Amino acid sequence: MMLHVSPTAATTGIAKGEVLLNVENVSLRFGGVKAISDVSFDIVKGEVRAIIGPNGAGKTSMLNCINGFYFPQEGHITYKGVRRQKVRPHEAASSGIARTFQNVALFKGMTTLDNIMTGRTLKMNVGLFWQLLRHGPAMREEIEHRRKVEDIIDFLEIQAIRKIPVGKLPYGLQKRVELGRALAMEPELLLLDEPMAGMNLEEKEDMCRFILDVNQTFGTTIALIEHDMGVVMDLSDRVVVLEYGRKIADGTPDVVKADQKVIDAYLGVAH
């Protein structure tokens, strides 16, 4: 079964090259601690954009600024041509930004199907009255949303666990369910925070395949944080490197991995 995607994805024929999101001189402080210092980079429509760096480099803080968990004290973020002010996470989600987290953030007592259904919440239009009655327009809308969720379950090859509470699933499958919930939002920009953390080799290979399929088949723009450099170099179109909250490199994987500052700060290769 084919996954239904929003008309803003690859089916619209949008070519790579148009900037979807631009980070301009962003700085973020917590008291006297600078998490991010004057960082600028962009994310182009249709690309896989990696953000890498050692622990404490400010990678997750940057994603939190992009989807509204944090408000930078300095700088600006422009999304789809609009310079944002203080945007809350639900507003970022409504505008087409979806997110997975470093630590799995699922409803552990709910099934795989119901967890992914929560990603459809912002797409539901019927009023509370009809939702309470579970009749008429509400029932028709729920059937349509469930059909889309079943498509996602088929796409991610998790049919066998659709009715299992996610708290009973192995970690790698929980990560796949979380990806499914993000896809249920039909995002234009998908933020993945260490999507392969804690996975074995087989699980990583599966997740890489799904990330590439989401990007290449559906045209979803992806920004990901990942520590596995093999994964980063294989998946990414471009890489931005942070160290102690500052940008030290930005470019294609080949350019970045040959940069001496990156080697010294992150890759740990002798020279």
Protein backbone atom coordinates (compact mmCIF):
# COMPACT_ATOMS: atom_id res chain seq x y z
CA MET A 1 0.00 0.00 0.00
CA MET A 2 1.27 3.43 -0.91
CA LEU A 3 1.83 6.15 1.69
CA HIS A 4 -0.32 9.21 1.07
CA VAL A 5 1.73 12.40 1.27
CA SER A 6 0.92 16.08 1.28
CA PRO A 7 0.90 17.94 -2.04
CA THR A 8 3.91 19.93 -0.85
CA ALA A 9 6.20 16.92 -1.19
CA ALA A 10 8.11 15.61 -4.17
CA THR A 11 4.91 15.04 -6.14
CA THR A 12 4.74 18.81 -6.70
CA GLY A 13 7.98 18.68 -8.64
CA ILE A 14 9.80 21.16 -6.41
CA ALA A 15 13.47 21.17 -7.37
CA LYS A 16 16.26 21.23 -4.83
CA GLY A 17 17.86 24.61 -4.37
CA GLU A 18 15.07 26.63 -2.76
CA VAL A 19 15.83 27.45 0.87
CA LEU A 20 13.16 26.06 3.19
CA LEU A 21 14.64 27.22 6.49
CA ASN A 22 17.36 29.74 7.23
CA VAL A 23 19.13 30.12 10.58
CA GLU A 24 20.72 33.56 10.89
CA ASN A 25 23.25 34.38 13.63
CA VAL A 26 21.33 32.47 16.29
CA SER A 27 22.58 32.55 19.88
CA LEU A 28 20.99 30.78 22.85
CA ARG A 29 21.93 31.18 26.51
CA PHE A 30 20.85 29.47 29.70
CA GLY A 31 21.85 31.91 32.42
CA GLY A 32 25.55 32.47 31.88
CA VAL A 33 25.99 29.35 29.74
CA LYS A 34 26.03 29.79 25.95
CA ALA A 35 24.51 26.75 24.26
CA ILE A 36 24.66 28.28 20.76
CA SER A 37 26.85 31.22 19.67
CA ASP A 38 26.17 33.14 16.45
CA VAL A 39 25.35 30.10 14.29
CA SER A 40 24.10 30.47 10.72
CA PHE A 41 23.17 27.82 8.13
CA ASP A 42 20.28 26.94 5.84
CA ILE A 43 18.25 23.89 4.93
CA VAL A 44 17.30 23.48 1.27
CA LYS A 45 14.07 21.88 0.12
CA GLY A 46 14.44 18.19 -0.58
CA GLU A 47 17.82 17.65 1.06
CA VAL A 48 19.03 15.60 4.01
CA ARG A 49 20.91 18.07 6.22
CA ALA A 50 23.03 16.61 9.02
CA ILE A 51 24.00 18.47 12.18
CA ILE A 52 26.96 16.86 13.90
CA GLY A 53 29.44 17.56 16.68
CA PRO A 54 30.65 16.20 20.01
CA ASN A 55 28.39 15.96 23.06
CA GLY A 56 27.47 19.41 24.34
CA ALA A 57 28.00 21.06 20.95
CA GLY A 58 24.47 22.53 20.89
CA LYS A 59 22.91 20.21 18.30
CA THR A 60 19.69 19.37 20.15
CA SER A 61 19.40 22.98 21.34
CA MET A 62 19.44 24.02 17.70
CA LEU A 63 16.60 21.64 16.81
CA ASN A 64 14.71 22.96 19.84
CA CYS A 65 15.06 26.48 18.48
CA ILE A 66 13.82 25.40 15.05
CA ASN A 67 10.64 23.78 16.35
CA GLY A 68 9.86 26.28 19.09
CA PHE A 69 10.92 24.56 22.31
CA TYR A 70 13.49 27.31 22.87
CA PHE A 71 13.51 30.96 21.85
CA PRO A 72 16.97 32.24 20.85
CA GLN A 73 18.01 35.50 22.50
CA GLU A 74 19.75 36.67 19.32
CA GLY A 75 19.39 36.02 15.62
CA HIS A 76 16.47 34.92 13.48
CA ILE A 77 14.95 31.81 11.94
CA THR A 78 13.18 32.20 8.60
CA TYR A 79 10.87 29.38 7.52
CA LYS A 80 9.22 29.26 4.10
CA GLY A 81 10.22 32.85 3.51
CA VAL A 82 8.71 34.20 6.74
CA ARG A 83 10.96 35.46 9.53
CA ARG A 84 9.55 33.92 12.71
CA GLN A 85 9.10 35.59 16.03
CA LYS A 86 8.44 33.41 19.08
CA VAL A 87 6.88 30.24 17.68
CA ARG A 88 5.42 27.58 19.97
CA PRO A 89 5.89 23.87 19.19
CA HIS A 90 2.23 23.41 18.17
CA GLU A 91 2.54 26.38 15.80
CA ALA A 92 5.70 24.90 14.28
CA ALA A 93 3.87 21.59 13.87
CA SER A 94 0.92 23.32 12.18
CA SER A 95 3.33 24.98 9.74
CA GLY A 96 4.76 21.62 8.62
CA ILE A 97 7.64 20.88 11.04
CA ALA A 98 7.63 17.42 12.69
CA ARG A 99 10.08 16.10 15.27
CA THR A 100 11.42 12.93 16.83
CA PHE A 101 13.41 12.99 20.04
CA GLN A 102 16.73 11.76 21.38
CA ASN A 103 14.87 9.71 23.98
CA VAL A 104 11.74 8.01 22.66
CA ALA A 105 8.69 10.16 23.52
CA LEU A 106 5.75 7.81 22.99
CA PHE A 107 2.63 6.93 24.97
CA LYS A 108 3.90 3.62 26.31
CA GLY A 109 0.48 2.21 27.29
CA MET A 110 -1.03 2.91 23.87
CA THR A 111 -0.75 0.69 20.81
CA THR A 112 1.41 1.40 17.79
CA LEU A 113 -1.72 2.33 15.80
CA ASP A 114 -2.99 4.75 18.46
CA ASN A 115 0.43 6.39 18.91
CA ILE A 116 0.69 7.08 15.19
CA MET A 117 -2.93 8.33 15.20
CA THR A 118 -1.90 11.10 17.62
CA GLY A 119 0.19 12.52 14.77
CA ARG A 120 -3.07 13.17 12.87
CA THR A 121 -4.50 15.42 15.60
CA LEU A 122 -3.65 18.68 13.84
CA LYS A 123 -5.29 17.38 10.67
CA MET A 124 -8.68 16.82 12.34
CA ASN A 125 -11.28 19.47 11.53
CA VAL A 126 -14.62 18.38 13.02
CA GLY A 127 -15.84 20.04 16.20
CA LEU A 128 -15.78 18.65 19.73
CA PHE A 129 -19.53 17.92 19.63
CA TRP A 130 -19.19 15.46 16.77
CA GLN A 131 -16.00 13.98 18.24
CA LEU A 132 -17.84 13.20 21.48
CA LEU A 133 -20.72 11.61 19.58
CA ARG A 134 -18.31 9.60 17.36
CA HIS A 135 -20.93 9.80 14.66
CA GLY A 136 -21.51 11.49 11.34
CA PRO A 137 -18.66 13.78 10.22
CA ALA A 138 -16.42 12.71 13.12
CA MET A 139 -16.71 9.03 12.21
CA ARG A 140 -16.05 9.71 8.52
CA GLU A 141 -13.02 11.82 9.39
CA GLU A 142 -11.63 9.21 11.78
CA ILE A 143 -11.98 6.48 9.15
CA GLU A 144 -10.01 8.63 6.69
CA HIS A 145 -7.25 9.36 9.24
CA ARG A 146 -7.03 5.69 10.20
CA ARG A 147 -6.61 4.79 6.53
CA LYS A 148 -3.65 7.17 6.28
CA VAL A 149 -2.16 5.72 9.47
CA GLU A 150 -2.51 2.18 8.11
CA ASP A 151 -0.63 3.35 5.01
CA ILE A 152 2.21 4.57 7.24
CA ILE A 153 2.24 1.28 9.14
CA ASP A 154 2.57 -0.58 5.83
CA PHE A 155 5.31 1.77 4.65
CA LEU A 156 7.36 1.24 7.82
CA GLU A 157 6.72 -2.53 7.74
CA ILE A 158 5.31 -2.67 11.27
CA GLN A 159 1.98 -4.41 10.53
CA ALA A 160 2.76 -7.16 13.04
CA ILE A 161 2.97 -4.71 15.96
CA ARG A 162 0.07 -2.41 15.08
CA LYS A 163 -2.04 -3.54 18.10
CA ILE A 164 0.83 -3.99 20.59
CA PRO A 165 1.38 -1.38 23.34
CA VAL A 166 4.63 0.37 22.43
CA GLY A 167 6.02 -0.05 25.96
CA LYS A 168 6.34 -3.76 25.20
CA LEU A 169 8.32 -3.23 22.00
CA PRO A 170 12.11 -3.37 21.61
CA TYR A 171 13.82 0.01 21.43
CA GLY A 172 14.49 -0.11 17.69
CA LEU A 173 10.81 -0.67 16.90
CA GLN A 174 9.81 2.12 19.29
CA LYS A 175 12.03 4.46 17.27
CA ARG A 176 10.26 3.33 14.10
CA VAL A 177 6.86 4.00 15.68
CA GLU A 178 8.03 7.48 16.66
CA LEU A 179 9.08 8.08 13.05
CA GLY A 180 5.62 6.92 11.99
CA ARG A 181 3.94 9.40 14.31
CA ALA A 182 6.05 12.22 12.83
CA LEU A 183 5.19 11.09 9.28
CA ALA A 184 1.48 11.11 10.19
CA MET A 185 1.77 14.90 10.40
CA GLU A 186 2.71 14.97 6.69
CA PRO A 187 5.66 17.29 7.41
CA GLU A 188 7.54 19.47 4.98
CA LEU A 189 10.52 19.52 7.35
CA LEU A 190 11.29 16.46 9.48
CA LEU A 191 13.69 16.91 12.42
CA LEU A 192 15.33 13.67 13.59
CA ASP A 193 17.30 13.78 16.84
CA GLU A 194 19.64 10.77 16.86
CA PRO A 195 17.15 8.45 15.10
CA MET A 196 19.57 5.51 15.31
CA ALA A 197 20.82 5.91 18.88
CA GLY A 198 20.92 2.59 20.75
CA MET A 199 20.24 0.48 17.66
CA ASN A 200 22.11 -2.57 16.48
CA LEU A 201 23.50 -2.76 12.94
CA GLU A 202 20.41 -4.36 11.40
CA GLU A 203 18.10 -1.79 13.00
CA LYS A 204 20.32 1.03 11.76
CA GLU A 205 20.25 -0.33 8.23
CA ASP A 206 16.45 -0.47 8.33
CA MET A 207 16.16 3.07 9.69
CA CYS A 208 18.58 4.39 7.06
CA ARG A 209 16.45 2.79 4.37
CA PHE A 210 13.27 4.37 5.70
CA ILE A 211 14.87 7.82 6.03
CA LEU A 212 16.10 7.65 2.44
CA ASP A 213 12.68 6.48 1.24
CA VAL A 214 10.93 9.32 3.06
CA ASN A 215 13.33 11.83 1.50
CA GLN A 216 13.62 10.44 -2.01
CA THR A 217 10.13 9.06 -2.59
CA PHE A 218 8.05 11.65 -0.76
CA GLY A 219 10.36 14.66 -1.05
CA THR A 220 10.37 15.39 2.68
CA THR A 221 13.21 17.67 3.74
CA ILE A 222 15.13 16.15 6.65
CA ALA A 223 17.46 17.61 9.25
CA LEU A 224 19.07 15.00 11.45
CA ILE A 225 21.47 14.74 14.35
CA GLU A 226 23.52 11.56 14.30
CA HIS A 227 26.77 10.41 15.91
CA ASP A 228 27.43 7.49 13.56
CA MET A 229 29.70 9.11 10.98
CA GLY A 230 29.19 6.30 8.49
CA VAL A 231 25.46 6.99 8.57
CA VAL A 232 26.01 10.75 8.26
CA MET A 233 28.30 10.41 5.26
CA ASP A 234 25.97 7.95 3.49
CA LEU A 235 22.69 9.79 4.08
CA SER A 236 23.50 13.48 3.99
CA ASP A 237 23.59 15.97 1.15
CA ARG A 238 25.25 18.56 3.40
CA VAL A 239 26.66 18.63 6.93
CA VAL A 240 27.01 21.44 9.45
CA VAL A 241 29.44 20.86 12.32
CA LEU A 242 29.10 22.46 15.76
CA GLU A 243 31.63 22.59 18.59
CA TYR A 244 30.90 24.26 21.93
CA GLY A 245 27.90 25.96 20.36
CA ARG A 246 29.82 27.45 17.42
CA LYS A 247 29.82 26.41 13.77
CA ILE A 248 33.23 25.16 12.68
CA ALA A 249 32.41 23.66 9.28
CA ASP A 250 29.63 23.45 6.71
CA GLY A 251 29.54 21.67 3.37
CA THR A 252 29.23 18.33 1.60
CA PRO A 253 30.19 15.18 3.52
CA ASP A 254 33.47 14.88 1.59
CA VAL A 255 34.43 18.48 2.31
CA VAL A 256 33.52 18.27 5.99
CA LYS A 257 35.31 15.00 6.73
CA ALA A 258 38.50 16.43 5.19
CA ASP A 259 38.34 19.64 7.26
CA GLN A 260 41.15 19.67 9.82
CA LYS A 261 39.03 21.52 12.42
CA VAL A 262 36.43 18.75 12.20
CA ILE A 263 39.09 16.06 12.43
CA ASP A 264 40.56 17.68 15.54
CA ALA A 265 37.22 18.37 17.22
CA TYR A 266 35.13 15.37 16.34
CA LEU A 267 36.54 12.61 14.19
CA GLY A 268 39.64 12.10 16.30
CA VAL A 269 41.84 11.06 13.37
CA ALA A 270 45.54 11.63 13.86
CA HIS A 271 47.31 14.01 11.49
